[in-house]
Amino acid sequence: MREFEELTTINHIEDFIGSHQLSFLYISRPNCSVCHGLLPQVRQLMEEYPEIALGHINAEAVEQVAGRFSIFTVPVLLLFVEGKEYIREVRIVHMDLFKEKLNKIYKNVIG
């Protein structure tokens, strides 16, 4: 199972997004039951997309993330292509629809 890189500062997050063609951020809080329930499903899904760099952000530890990405609740799933946000899913994520969106972008970018 692929692991998510822990991103602990805004600069680390910006570098992560900028240094990968495809980057995915999972933003959560430690006391969020929805976050903890969704993460294993996202981890399993991301096995199908080996070219996507995976990053995790604890929104309590990196408080600036809320302002940087206009986040008002967690979990938040963000996919970036060459530094530009292409997918944003918040709170209740329908995995089938999320996978469809990922497939379209991944096929267009990776081929």
PDB file of N, CA and C in Angstrom:
ATOM      1  N   MET A   1       0.854  -1.185   0.000  1.00  0.00           N
ATOM      2  CA  MET A   1       0.000   0.000   0.000  1.00  0.00           C
ATOM      3  C   MET A   1       0.897   1.244   0.000  1.00  0.00           C
ATOM      4  N   ARG A   2       0.587   2.172  -0.875  1.00  0.00           N
ATOM      5  CA  ARG A   2       1.358   3.415  -0.966  1.00  0.00           C
ATOM      6  C   ARG A   2       1.087   4.291   0.251  1.00  0.00           C
ATOM      7  N   GLU A   3       2.133   4.973   0.680  1.00  0.00           N
ATOM      8  CA  GLU A   3       2.008   5.855   1.833  1.00  0.00           C
ATOM      9  C   GLU A   3       1.872   7.310   1.383  1.00  0.00           C
ATOM     10  N   PHE A   4       1.201   8.087   2.208  1.00  0.00           N
ATOM     11  CA  PHE A   4       1.076   9.519   1.985  1.00  0.00           C
ATOM     12  C   PHE A   4       2.249  10.216   2.655  1.00  0.00           C
ATOM     13  N   GLU A   5       2.834  11.188   1.976  1.00  0.00           N
ATOM     14  CA  GLU A   5       3.901  11.991   2.576  1.00  0.00           C
ATOM     15  C   GLU A   5       3.261  13.012   3.505  1.00  0.00           C
ATOM     16  N   GLU A   6       3.752  13.095   4.739  1.00  0.00           N
ATOM     17  CA  GLU A   6       3.252  14.090   5.688  1.00  0.00           C
ATOM     18  C   GLU A   6       3.810  15.452   5.308  1.00  0.00           C
ATOM     19  N   LEU A   7       2.931  16.403   5.061  1.00  0.00           N
ATOM     20  CA  LEU A   7       3.329  17.756   4.693  1.00  0.00           C
ATOM     21  C   LEU A   7       3.056  18.652   5.896  1.00  0.00           C
ATOM     22  N   THR A   8       4.106  19.264   6.451  1.00  0.00           N
ATOM     23  CA  THR A   8       3.981  19.910   7.753  1.00  0.00           C
ATOM     24  C   THR A   8       4.093  21.435   7.747  1.00  0.00           C
ATOM     25  N   THR A   9       4.369  22.025   6.592  1.00  0.00           N
ATOM     26  CA  THR A   9       4.414  23.493   6.495  1.00  0.00           C
ATOM     27  C   THR A   9       3.819  23.913   5.149  1.00  0.00           C
ATOM     28  N   ILE A  10       3.420  25.163   5.070  1.00  0.00           N
ATOM     29  CA  ILE A  10       2.901  25.686   3.795  1.00  0.00           C
ATOM     30  C   ILE A  10       3.971  25.593   2.714  1.00  0.00           C
ATOM     31  N   ASN A  11       5.218  25.924   3.044  1.00  0.00           N
ATOM     32  CA  ASN A  11       6.299  25.832   2.054  1.00  0.00           C
ATOM     33  C   ASN A  11       6.485  24.394   1.575  1.00  0.00           C
ATOM     34  N   HIS A  12       6.414  23.453   2.486  1.00  0.00           N
ATOM     35  CA  HIS A  12       6.528  22.031   2.135  1.00  0.00           C
ATOM     36  C   HIS A  12       5.395  21.643   1.177  1.00  0.00           C
ATOM     37  N   ILE A  13       4.188  22.127   1.452  1.00  0.00           N
ATOM     38  CA  ILE A  13       3.020  21.836   0.616  1.00  0.00           C
ATOM     39  C   ILE A  13       3.216  22.426  -0.784  1.00  0.00           C
ATOM     40  N   GLU A  14       3.639  23.694  -0.843  1.00  0.00           N
ATOM     41  CA  GLU A  14       3.852  24.353  -2.131  1.00  0.00           C
ATOM     42  C   GLU A  14       4.938  23.636  -2.941  1.00  0.00           C
ATOM     43  N   ASP A  15       6.018  23.240  -2.277  1.00  0.00           N
ATOM     44  CA  ASP A  15       7.090  22.505  -2.960  1.00  0.00           C
ATOM     45  C   ASP A  15       6.586  21.167  -3.478  1.00  0.00           C
ATOM     46  N   PHE A  16       5.783  20.490  -2.677  1.00  0.00           N
ATOM     47  CA  PHE A  16       5.225  19.187  -3.053  1.00  0.00           C
ATOM     48  C   PHE A  16       4.374  19.323  -4.318  1.00  0.00           C
ATOM     49  N   ILE A  17       3.472  20.297  -4.324  1.00  0.00           N
ATOM     50  CA  ILE A  17       2.596  20.513  -5.485  1.00  0.00           C
ATOM     51  C   ILE A  17       3.425  20.899  -6.716  1.00  0.00           C
ATOM     52  N   GLY A  18       4.402  21.764  -6.518  1.00  0.00           N
ATOM     53  CA  GLY A  18       5.201  22.263  -7.632  1.00  0.00           C
ATOM     54  C   GLY A  18       6.167  21.249  -8.219  1.00  0.00           C
ATOM     55  N   SER A  19       6.533  20.235  -7.448  1.00  0.00           N
ATOM     56  CA  SER A  19       7.553  19.304  -7.912  1.00  0.00           C
ATOM     57  C   SER A  19       6.994  18.014  -8.515  1.00  0.00           C
ATOM     58  N   HIS A  20       5.675  17.904  -8.617  1.00  0.00           N
ATOM     59  CA  HIS A  20       5.063  16.715  -9.211  1.00  0.00           C
ATOM     60  C   HIS A  20       4.073  17.122 -10.297  1.00  0.00           C
ATOM     61  N   GLN A  21       4.067  16.375 -11.383  1.00  0.00           N
ATOM     62  CA  GLN A  21       3.095  16.644 -12.441  1.00  0.00           C
ATOM     63  C   GLN A  21       1.678  16.429 -11.915  1.00  0.00           C
ATOM     64  N   LEU A  22       1.479  15.342 -11.187  1.00  0.00           N
ATOM     65  CA  LEU A  22       0.197  15.037 -10.561  1.00  0.00           C
ATOM     66  C   LEU A  22       0.416  14.940  -9.057  1.00  0.00           C
ATOM     67  N   SER A  23      -0.292  15.759  -8.286  1.00  0.00           N
ATOM     68  CA  SER A  23      -0.169  15.692  -6.836  1.00  0.00           C
ATOM     69  C   SER A  23      -1.561  15.700  -6.210  1.00  0.00           C
ATOM     70  N   PHE A  24      -1.685  14.927  -5.147  1.00  0.00           N
ATOM     71  CA  PHE A  24      -2.954  14.765  -4.452  1.00  0.00           C
ATOM     72  C   PHE A  24      -2.742  15.102  -2.985  1.00  0.00           C
ATOM     73  N   LEU A  25      -3.634  15.925  -2.441  1.00  0.00           N
ATOM     74  CA  LEU A  25      -3.577  16.281  -1.027  1.00  0.00           C
ATOM     75  C   LEU A  25      -4.816  15.769  -0.316  1.00  0.00           C
ATOM     76  N   TYR A  26      -4.583  15.122   0.816  1.00  0.00           N
ATOM     77  CA  TYR A  26      -5.668  14.691   1.703  1.00  0.00           C
ATOM     78  C   TYR A  26      -5.527  15.523   2.966  1.00  0.00           C
ATOM     79  N   ILE A  27      -6.493  16.405   3.199  1.00  0.00           N
ATOM     80  CA  ILE A  27      -6.439  17.323   4.333  1.00  0.00           C
ATOM     81  C   ILE A  27      -7.464  16.869   5.360  1.00  0.00           C
ATOM     82  N   SER A  28      -6.992  16.659   6.588  1.00  0.00           N
ATOM     83  CA  SER A  28      -7.867  16.141   7.631  1.00  0.00           C
ATOM     84  C   SER A  28      -7.498  16.726   8.985  1.00  0.00           C
ATOM     85  N   ARG A  29      -8.238  16.327   9.990  1.00  0.00           N
ATOM     86  CA  ARG A  29      -7.952  16.674  11.388  1.00  0.00           C
ATOM     87  C   ARG A  29      -7.952  15.371  12.195  1.00  0.00           C
ATOM     88  N   PRO A  30      -7.156  15.320  13.251  1.00  0.00           N
ATOM     89  CA  PRO A  30      -7.050  14.085  14.030  1.00  0.00           C
ATOM     90  C   PRO A  30      -8.366  13.605  14.652  1.00  0.00           C
ATOM     91  N   ASN A  31      -9.243  14.524  15.060  1.00  0.00           N
ATOM     92  CA  ASN A  31     -10.475  14.129  15.745  1.00  0.00           C
ATOM     93  C   ASN A  31     -11.680  14.025  14.811  1.00  0.00           C
ATOM     94  N   CYS A  32     -11.449  13.888  13.530  1.00  0.00           N
ATOM     95  CA  CYS A  32     -12.526  13.843  12.523  1.00  0.00           C
ATOM     96  C   CYS A  32     -12.827  12.390  12.149  1.00  0.00           C
ATOM     97  N   SER A  33     -13.993  11.904  12.551  1.00  0.00           N
ATOM     98  CA  SER A  33     -14.339  10.506  12.262  1.00  0.00           C
ATOM     99  C   SER A  33     -14.553  10.273  10.767  1.00  0.00           C
ATOM    100  N   VAL A  34     -15.097  11.249  10.067  1.00  0.00           N
ATOM    101  CA  VAL A  34     -15.287  11.119   8.618  1.00  0.00           C
ATOM    102  C   VAL A  34     -13.921  10.990   7.935  1.00  0.00           C
ATOM    103  N   CYS A  35     -12.966  11.794   8.387  1.00  0.00           N
ATOM    104  CA  CYS A  35     -11.605  11.751   7.825  1.00  0.00           C
ATOM    105  C   CYS A  35     -10.986  10.367   7.988  1.00  0.00           C
ATOM    106  N   HIS A  36     -11.105   9.813   9.181  1.00  0.00           N
ATOM    107  CA  HIS A  36     -10.507   8.505   9.472  1.00  0.00           C
ATOM    108  C   HIS A  36     -11.207   7.386   8.718  1.00  0.00           C
ATOM    109  N   GLY A  37     -12.503   7.521   8.499  1.00  0.00           N
ATOM    110  CA  GLY A  37     -13.253   6.510   7.759  1.00  0.00           C
ATOM    111  C   GLY A  37     -12.982   6.545   6.264  1.00  0.00           C
ATOM    112  N   LEU A  38     -12.727   7.731   5.737  1.00  0.00           N
ATOM    113  CA  LEU A  38     -12.522   7.893   4.301  1.00  0.00           C
ATOM    114  C   LEU A  38     -11.100   7.552   3.867  1.00  0.00           C
ATOM    115  N   LEU A  39     -10.126   7.807   4.718  1.00  0.00           N
ATOM    116  CA  LEU A  39      -8.721   7.628   4.331  1.00  0.00           C
ATOM    117  C   LEU A  39      -8.393   6.229   3.799  1.00  0.00           C
ATOM    118  N   PRO A  40      -8.830   5.138   4.433  1.00  0.00           N
ATOM    119  CA  PRO A  40      -8.515   3.815   3.872  1.00  0.00           C
ATOM    120  C   PRO A  40      -9.079   3.605   2.469  1.00  0.00           C
ATOM    121  N   GLN A  41     -10.260   4.150   2.200  1.00  0.00           N
ATOM    122  CA  GLN A  41     -10.865   4.034   0.873  1.00  0.00           C
ATOM    123  C   GLN A  41     -10.040   4.806  -0.159  1.00  0.00           C
ATOM    124  N   VAL A  42      -9.597   5.992   0.217  1.00  0.00           N
ATOM    125  CA  VAL A  42      -8.782   6.813  -0.681  1.00  0.00           C
ATOM    126  C   VAL A  42      -7.438   6.126  -0.929  1.00  0.00           C
ATOM    127  N   ARG A  43      -6.844   5.586   0.141  1.00  0.00           N
ATOM    128  CA  ARG A  43      -5.561   4.869   0.005  1.00  0.00           C
ATOM    129  C   ARG A  43      -5.681   3.720  -0.988  1.00  0.00           C
ATOM    130  N   GLN A  44      -6.737   2.952  -0.855  1.00  0.00           N
ATOM    131  CA  GLN A  44      -6.957   1.808  -1.744  1.00  0.00           C
ATOM    132  C   GLN A  44      -7.150   2.277  -3.184  1.00  0.00           C
ATOM    133  N   LEU A  45      -7.940   3.313  -3.387  1.00  0.00           N
ATOM    134  CA  LEU A  45      -8.179   3.839  -4.726  1.00  0.00           C
ATOM    135  C   LEU A  45      -6.889   4.339  -5.361  1.00  0.00           C
ATOM    136  N   MET A  46      -6.054   5.001  -4.599  1.00  0.00           N
ATOM    137  CA  MET A  46      -4.830   5.589  -5.139  1.00  0.00           C
ATOM    138  C   MET A  46      -3.811   4.542  -5.592  1.00  0.00           C
ATOM    139  N   GLU A  47      -4.010   3.297  -5.206  1.00  0.00           N
ATOM    140  CA  GLU A  47      -3.151   2.207  -5.692  1.00  0.00           C
ATOM    141  C   GLU A  47      -3.245   2.107  -7.221  1.00  0.00           C
ATOM    142  N   GLU A  48      -4.369   2.517  -7.783  1.00  0.00           N
ATOM    143  CA  GLU A  48      -4.598   2.437  -9.225  1.00  0.00           C
ATOM    144  C   GLU A  48      -3.925   3.574 -10.000  1.00  0.00           C
ATOM    145  N   TYR A  49      -3.365   4.539  -9.276  1.00  0.00           N
ATOM    146  CA  TYR A  49      -2.787   5.726  -9.919  1.00  0.00           C
ATOM    147  C   TYR A  49      -1.357   5.955  -9.414  1.00  0.00           C
ATOM    148  N   PRO A  50      -0.429   5.122  -9.854  1.00  0.00           N
ATOM    149  CA  PRO A  50       0.940   5.203  -9.318  1.00  0.00           C
ATOM    150  C   PRO A  50       1.686   6.490  -9.645  1.00  0.00           C
ATOM    151  N   GLU A  51       1.247   7.225 -10.654  1.00  0.00           N
ATOM    152  CA  GLU A  51       1.944   8.463 -11.035  1.00  0.00           C
ATOM    153  C   GLU A  51       1.506   9.667 -10.215  1.00  0.00           C
ATOM    154  N   ILE A  52       0.514   9.503  -9.354  1.00  0.00           N
ATOM    155  CA  ILE A  52       0.047  10.616  -8.529  1.00  0.00           C
ATOM    156  C   ILE A  52       0.818  10.615  -7.208  1.00  0.00           C
ATOM    157  N   ALA A  53       1.478  11.722  -6.909  1.00  0.00           N
ATOM    158  CA  ALA A  53       2.183  11.882  -5.624  1.00  0.00           C
ATOM    159  C   ALA A  53       1.134  12.143  -4.545  1.00  0.00           C
ATOM    160  N   LEU A  54       1.281  11.471  -3.411  1.00  0.00           N
ATOM    161  CA  LEU A  54       0.287  11.536  -2.344  1.00  0.00           C
ATOM    162  C   LEU A  54       0.808  12.315  -1.146  1.00  0.00           C
ATOM    163  N   GLY A  55       0.052  13.322  -0.736  1.00  0.00           N
ATOM    164  CA  GLY A  55       0.424  14.117   0.426  1.00  0.00           C
ATOM    165  C   GLY A  55      -0.717  14.189   1.416  1.00  0.00           C
ATOM    166  N   HIS A  56      -0.377  14.191   2.694  1.00  0.00           N
ATOM    167  CA  HIS A  56      -1.371  14.314   3.763  1.00  0.00           C
ATOM    168  C   HIS A  56      -1.049  15.548   4.596  1.00  0.00           C
ATOM    169  N   ILE A  57      -2.097  16.294   4.958  1.00  0.00           N
ATOM    170  CA  ILE A  57      -1.928  17.492   5.770  1.00  0.00           C
ATOM    171  C   ILE A  57      -2.864  17.412   6.970  1.00  0.00           C
ATOM    172  N   ASN A  58      -2.296  17.584   8.149  1.00  0.00           N
ATOM    173  CA  ASN A  58      -3.089  17.711   9.372  1.00  0.00           C
ATOM    174  C   ASN A  58      -3.431  19.198   9.494  1.00  0.00           C
ATOM    175  N   ALA A  59      -4.707  19.532   9.303  1.00  0.00           N
ATOM    176  CA  ALA A  59      -5.135  20.933   9.289  1.00  0.00           C
ATOM    177  C   ALA A  59      -4.941  21.610  10.642  1.00  0.00           C
ATOM    178  N   GLU A  60      -4.863  20.835  11.721  1.00  0.00           N
ATOM    179  CA  GLU A  60      -4.594  21.436  13.035  1.00  0.00           C
ATOM    180  C   GLU A  60      -3.128  21.826  13.160  1.00  0.00           C
ATOM    181  N   ALA A  61      -2.247  21.037  12.595  1.00  0.00           N
ATOM    182  CA  ALA A  61      -0.807  21.305  12.679  1.00  0.00           C
ATOM    183  C   ALA A  61      -0.372  22.392  11.699  1.00  0.00           C
ATOM    184  N   VAL A  62      -1.045  22.492  10.556  1.00  0.00           N
ATOM    185  CA  VAL A  62      -0.714  23.490   9.535  1.00  0.00           C
ATOM    186  C   VAL A  62      -1.948  24.375   9.348  1.00  0.00           C
ATOM    187  N   GLU A  63      -2.145  25.282  10.298  1.00  0.00           N
ATOM    188  CA  GLU A  63      -3.362  26.099  10.305  1.00  0.00           C
ATOM    189  C   GLU A  63      -3.503  26.980   9.068  1.00  0.00           C
ATOM    190  N   GLN A  64      -2.387  27.378   8.459  1.00  0.00           N
ATOM    191  CA  GLN A  64      -2.430  28.252   7.281  1.00  0.00           C
ATOM    192  C   GLN A  64      -3.066  27.557   6.076  1.00  0.00           C
ATOM    193  N   VAL A  65      -3.177  26.232   6.120  1.00  0.00           N
ATOM    194  CA  VAL A  65      -3.728  25.499   4.986  1.00  0.00           C
ATOM    195  C   VAL A  65      -5.180  25.911   4.713  1.00  0.00           C
ATOM    196  N   ALA A  66      -5.911  26.270   5.756  1.00  0.00           N
ATOM    197  CA  ALA A  66      -7.308  26.676   5.579  1.00  0.00           C
ATOM    198  C   ALA A  66      -7.411  27.924   4.700  1.00  0.00           C
ATOM    199  N   GLY A  67      -6.581  28.902   4.965  1.00  0.00           N
ATOM    200  CA  GLY A  67      -6.592  30.125   4.162  1.00  0.00           C
ATOM    201  C   GLY A  67      -6.031  29.913   2.774  1.00  0.00           C
ATOM    202  N   ARG A  68      -4.968  29.136   2.676  1.00  0.00           N
ATOM    203  CA  ARG A  68      -4.303  28.914   1.384  1.00  0.00           C
ATOM    204  C   ARG A  68      -5.213  28.230   0.381  1.00  0.00           C
ATOM    205  N   PHE A  69      -6.008  27.244   0.855  1.00  0.00           N
ATOM    206  CA  PHE A  69      -6.860  26.475  -0.057  1.00  0.00           C
ATOM    207  C   PHE A  69      -8.356  26.731   0.164  1.00  0.00           C
ATOM    208  N   SER A  70      -8.701  27.772   0.912  1.00  0.00           N
ATOM    209  CA  SER A  70     -10.104  28.120   1.201  1.00  0.00           C
ATOM    210  C   SER A  70     -10.877  26.908   1.725  1.00  0.00           C
ATOM    211  N   ILE A  71     -10.401  26.366   2.827  1.00  0.00           N
ATOM    212  CA  ILE A  71     -11.001  25.169   3.417  1.00  0.00           C
ATOM    213  C   ILE A  71     -11.793  25.559   4.655  1.00  0.00           C
ATOM    214  N   PHE A  72     -13.035  25.086   4.704  1.00  0.00           N
ATOM    215  CA  PHE A  72     -13.908  25.410   5.826  1.00  0.00           C
ATOM    216  C   PHE A  72     -14.297  24.186   6.636  1.00  0.00           C
ATOM    217  N   THR A  73     -14.067  23.003   6.087  1.00  0.00           N
ATOM    218  CA  THR A  73     -14.368  21.753   6.771  1.00  0.00           C
ATOM    219  C   THR A  73     -13.404  20.684   6.260  1.00  0.00           C
ATOM    220  N   VAL A  74     -13.372  19.559   6.935  1.00  0.00           N
ATOM    221  CA  VAL A  74     -12.525  18.441   6.507  1.00  0.00           C
ATOM    222  C   VAL A  74     -13.385  17.186   6.460  1.00  0.00           C
ATOM    223  N   PRO A  75     -12.989  16.159   5.744  1.00  0.00           N
ATOM    224  CA  PRO A  75     -11.792  16.078   4.916  1.00  0.00           C
ATOM    225  C   PRO A  75     -11.950  16.817   3.590  1.00  0.00           C
ATOM    226  N   VAL A  76     -10.790  17.173   3.023  1.00  0.00           N
ATOM    227  CA  VAL A  76     -10.739  17.795   1.700  1.00  0.00           C
ATOM    228  C   VAL A  76      -9.753  16.994   0.862  1.00  0.00           C
ATOM    229  N   LEU A  77     -10.179  16.646  -0.345  1.00  0.00           N
ATOM    230  CA  LEU A  77      -9.340  15.916  -1.293  1.00  0.00           C
ATOM    231  C   LEU A  77      -9.075  16.853  -2.466  1.00  0.00           C
ATOM    232  N   LEU A  78      -7.804  17.114  -2.745  1.00  0.00           N
ATOM    233  CA  LEU A  78      -7.433  18.028  -3.832  1.00  0.00           C
ATOM    234  C   LEU A  78      -6.477  17.325  -4.782  1.00  0.00           C
ATOM    235  N   LEU A  79      -6.769  17.426  -6.071  1.00  0.00           N
ATOM    236  CA  LEU A  79      -5.857  16.904  -7.087  1.00  0.00           C
ATOM    237  C   LEU A  79      -5.339  18.077  -7.908  1.00  0.00           C
ATOM    238  N   PHE A  80      -4.010  18.134  -8.061  1.00  0.00           N
ATOM    239  CA  PHE A  80      -3.369  19.175  -8.842  1.00  0.00           C
ATOM    240  C   PHE A  80      -2.680  18.561 -10.046  1.00  0.00           C
ATOM    241  N   VAL A  81      -2.810  19.227 -11.189  1.00  0.00           N
ATOM    242  CA  VAL A  81      -2.088  18.843 -12.399  1.00  0.00           C
ATOM    243  C   VAL A  81      -1.193  20.018 -12.741  1.00  0.00           C
ATOM    244  N   GLU A  82       0.108  19.771 -12.702  1.00  0.00           N
ATOM    245  CA  GLU A  82       1.116  20.806 -12.960  1.00  0.00           C
ATOM    246  C   GLU A  82       0.833  22.074 -12.149  1.00  0.00           C
ATOM    247  N   GLY A  83       0.507  21.876 -10.870  1.00  0.00           N
ATOM    248  CA  GLY A  83       0.310  22.980  -9.945  1.00  0.00           C
ATOM    249  C   GLY A  83      -1.062  23.605  -9.938  1.00  0.00           C
ATOM    250  N   LYS A  84      -1.939  23.182 -10.853  1.00  0.00           N
ATOM    251  CA  LYS A  84      -3.274  23.763 -10.934  1.00  0.00           C
ATOM    252  C   LYS A  84      -4.300  22.785 -10.360  1.00  0.00           C
ATOM    253  N   GLU A  85      -5.195  23.299  -9.521  1.00  0.00           N
ATOM    254  CA  GLU A  85      -6.224  22.449  -8.912  1.00  0.00           C
ATOM    255  C   GLU A  85      -7.244  22.008  -9.963  1.00  0.00           C
ATOM    256  N   TYR A  86      -7.454  20.684 -10.044  1.00  0.00           N
ATOM    257  CA  TYR A  86      -8.410  20.126 -10.998  1.00  0.00           C
ATOM    258  C   TYR A  86      -9.595  19.450 -10.325  1.00  0.00           C
ATOM    259  N   ILE A  87      -9.371  18.876  -9.153  1.00  0.00           N
ATOM    260  CA  ILE A  87     -10.464  18.214  -8.434  1.00  0.00           C
ATOM    261  C   ILE A  87     -10.448  18.687  -6.992  1.00  0.00           C
ATOM    262  N   ARG A  88     -11.650  18.949  -6.479  1.00  0.00           N
ATOM    263  CA  ARG A  88     -11.840  19.281  -5.061  1.00  0.00           C
ATOM    264  C   ARG A  88     -13.064  18.522  -4.578  1.00  0.00           C
ATOM    265  N   GLU A  89     -12.861  17.674  -3.610  1.00  0.00           N
ATOM    266  CA  GLU A  89     -13.964  16.957  -2.958  1.00  0.00           C
ATOM    267  C   GLU A  89     -13.907  17.304  -1.479  1.00  0.00           C
ATOM    268  N   VAL A  90     -15.073  17.556  -0.885  1.00  0.00           N
ATOM    269  CA  VAL A  90     -15.124  18.009   0.500  1.00  0.00           C
ATOM    270  C   VAL A  90     -16.163  17.211   1.287  1.00  0.00           C
ATOM    271  N   ARG A  91     -15.774  16.867   2.512  1.00  0.00           N
ATOM    272  CA  ARG A  91     -16.609  16.234   3.531  1.00  0.00           C
ATOM    273  C   ARG A  91     -17.171  14.880   3.105  1.00  0.00           C
ATOM    274  N   ILE A  92     -18.301  14.851   2.437  1.00  0.00           N
ATOM    275  CA  ILE A  92     -18.901  13.588   2.016  1.00  0.00           C
ATOM    276  C   ILE A  92     -18.471  13.332   0.572  1.00  0.00           C
ATOM    277  N   VAL A  93     -17.657  12.307   0.387  1.00  0.00           N
ATOM    278  CA  VAL A  93     -17.088  12.022  -0.929  1.00  0.00           C
ATOM    279  C   VAL A  93     -17.731  10.766  -1.496  1.00  0.00           C
ATOM    280  N   HIS A  94     -18.300  10.880  -2.672  1.00  0.00           N
ATOM    281  CA  HIS A  94     -18.850   9.724  -3.376  1.00  0.00           C
ATOM    282  C   HIS A  94     -17.702   9.115  -4.169  1.00  0.00           C
ATOM    283  N   MET A  95     -17.209   7.996  -3.694  1.00  0.00           N
ATOM    284  CA  MET A  95     -15.992   7.404  -4.258  1.00  0.00           C
ATOM    285  C   MET A  95     -16.139   7.053  -5.733  1.00  0.00           C
ATOM    286  N   ASP A  96     -17.298   6.602  -6.170  1.00  0.00           N
ATOM    287  CA  ASP A  96     -17.493   6.259  -7.588  1.00  0.00           C
ATOM    288  C   ASP A  96     -17.316   7.496  -8.481  1.00  0.00           C
ATOM    289  N   LEU A  97     -17.924   8.606  -8.080  1.00  0.00           N
ATOM    290  CA  LEU A  97     -17.808   9.841  -8.864  1.00  0.00           C
ATOM    291  C   LEU A  97     -16.381  10.381  -8.813  1.00  0.00           C
ATOM    292  N   PHE A  98     -15.761  10.276  -7.657  1.00  0.00           N
ATOM    293  CA  PHE A  98     -14.382  10.717  -7.508  1.00  0.00           C
ATOM    294  C   PHE A  98     -13.465   9.902  -8.419  1.00  0.00           C
ATOM    295  N   LYS A  99     -13.687   8.599  -8.468  1.00  0.00           N
ATOM    296  CA  LYS A  99     -12.871   7.730  -9.318  1.00  0.00           C
ATOM    297  C   LYS A  99     -13.067   8.074 -10.794  1.00  0.00           C
ATOM    298  N   GLU A 100     -14.286   8.370 -11.209  1.00  0.00           N
ATOM    299  CA  GLU A 100     -14.546   8.762 -12.603  1.00  0.00           C
ATOM    300  C   GLU A 100     -13.759  10.019 -12.965  1.00  0.00           C
ATOM    301  N   LYS A 101     -13.792  11.008 -12.091  1.00  0.00           N
ATOM    302  CA  LYS A 101     -13.063  12.248 -12.342  1.00  0.00           C
ATOM    303  C   LYS A 101     -11.564  11.973 -12.434  1.00  0.00           C
ATOM    304  N   LEU A 102     -11.048  11.170 -11.495  1.00  0.00           N
ATOM    305  CA  LEU A 102      -9.627  10.825 -11.495  1.00  0.00           C
ATOM    306  C   LEU A 102      -9.232  10.125 -12.786  1.00  0.00           C
ATOM    307  N   ASN A 103     -10.047   9.157 -13.218  1.00  0.00           N
ATOM    308  CA  ASN A 103      -9.763   8.409 -14.437  1.00  0.00           C
ATOM    309  C   ASN A 103      -9.615   9.321 -15.643  1.00  0.00           C
ATOM    310  N   LYS A 104     -10.543  10.255 -15.801  1.00  0.00           N
ATOM    311  CA  LYS A 104     -10.502  11.168 -16.943  1.00  0.00           C
ATOM    312  C   LYS A 104      -9.218  11.986 -16.950  1.00  0.00           C
ATOM    313  N   ILE A 105      -8.892  12.568 -15.830  1.00  0.00           N
ATOM    314  CA  ILE A 105      -7.698  13.405 -15.754  1.00  0.00           C
ATOM    315  C   ILE A 105      -6.440  12.567 -15.932  1.00  0.00           C
ATOM    316  N   TYR A 106      -6.384  11.435 -15.241  1.00  0.00           N
ATOM    317  CA  TYR A 106      -5.187  10.578 -15.286  1.00  0.00           C
ATOM    318  C   TYR A 106      -4.908  10.107 -16.698  1.00  0.00           C
ATOM    319  N   LYS A 107      -5.956   9.674 -17.413  1.00  0.00           N
ATOM    320  CA  LYS A 107      -5.777   9.202 -18.791  1.00  0.00           C
ATOM    321  C   LYS A 107      -5.310  10.327 -19.713  1.00  0.00           C
ATOM    322  N   ASN A 108      -5.829  11.533 -19.504  1.00  0.00           N
ATOM    323  CA  ASN A 108      -5.421  12.676 -20.334  1.00  0.00           C
ATOM    324  C   ASN A 108      -3.982  13.092 -20.069  1.00  0.00           C
ATOM    325  N   VAL A 109      -3.558  13.007 -18.831  1.00  0.00           N
ATOM    326  CA  VAL A 109      -2.215  13.466 -18.475  1.00  0.00           C
ATOM    327  C   VAL A 109      -1.162  12.384 -18.732  1.00  0.00           C
ATOM    328  N   ILE A 110      -1.452  11.169 -18.288  1.00  0.00           N
ATOM    329  CA  ILE A 110      -0.474  10.070 -18.382  1.00  0.00           C
ATOM    330  C   ILE A 110      -0.568   9.345 -19.725  1.00  0.00           C
ATOM    331  N   GLY A 111      -1.781   9.216 -20.217  1.00  0.00           N
ATOM    332  CA  GLY A 111      -1.953   8.571 -21.525  1.00  0.00           C
ATOM    333  C   GLY A 111      -2.421   7.220 -21.414  1.00  0.00           C
TER     334      GLY A 111
END
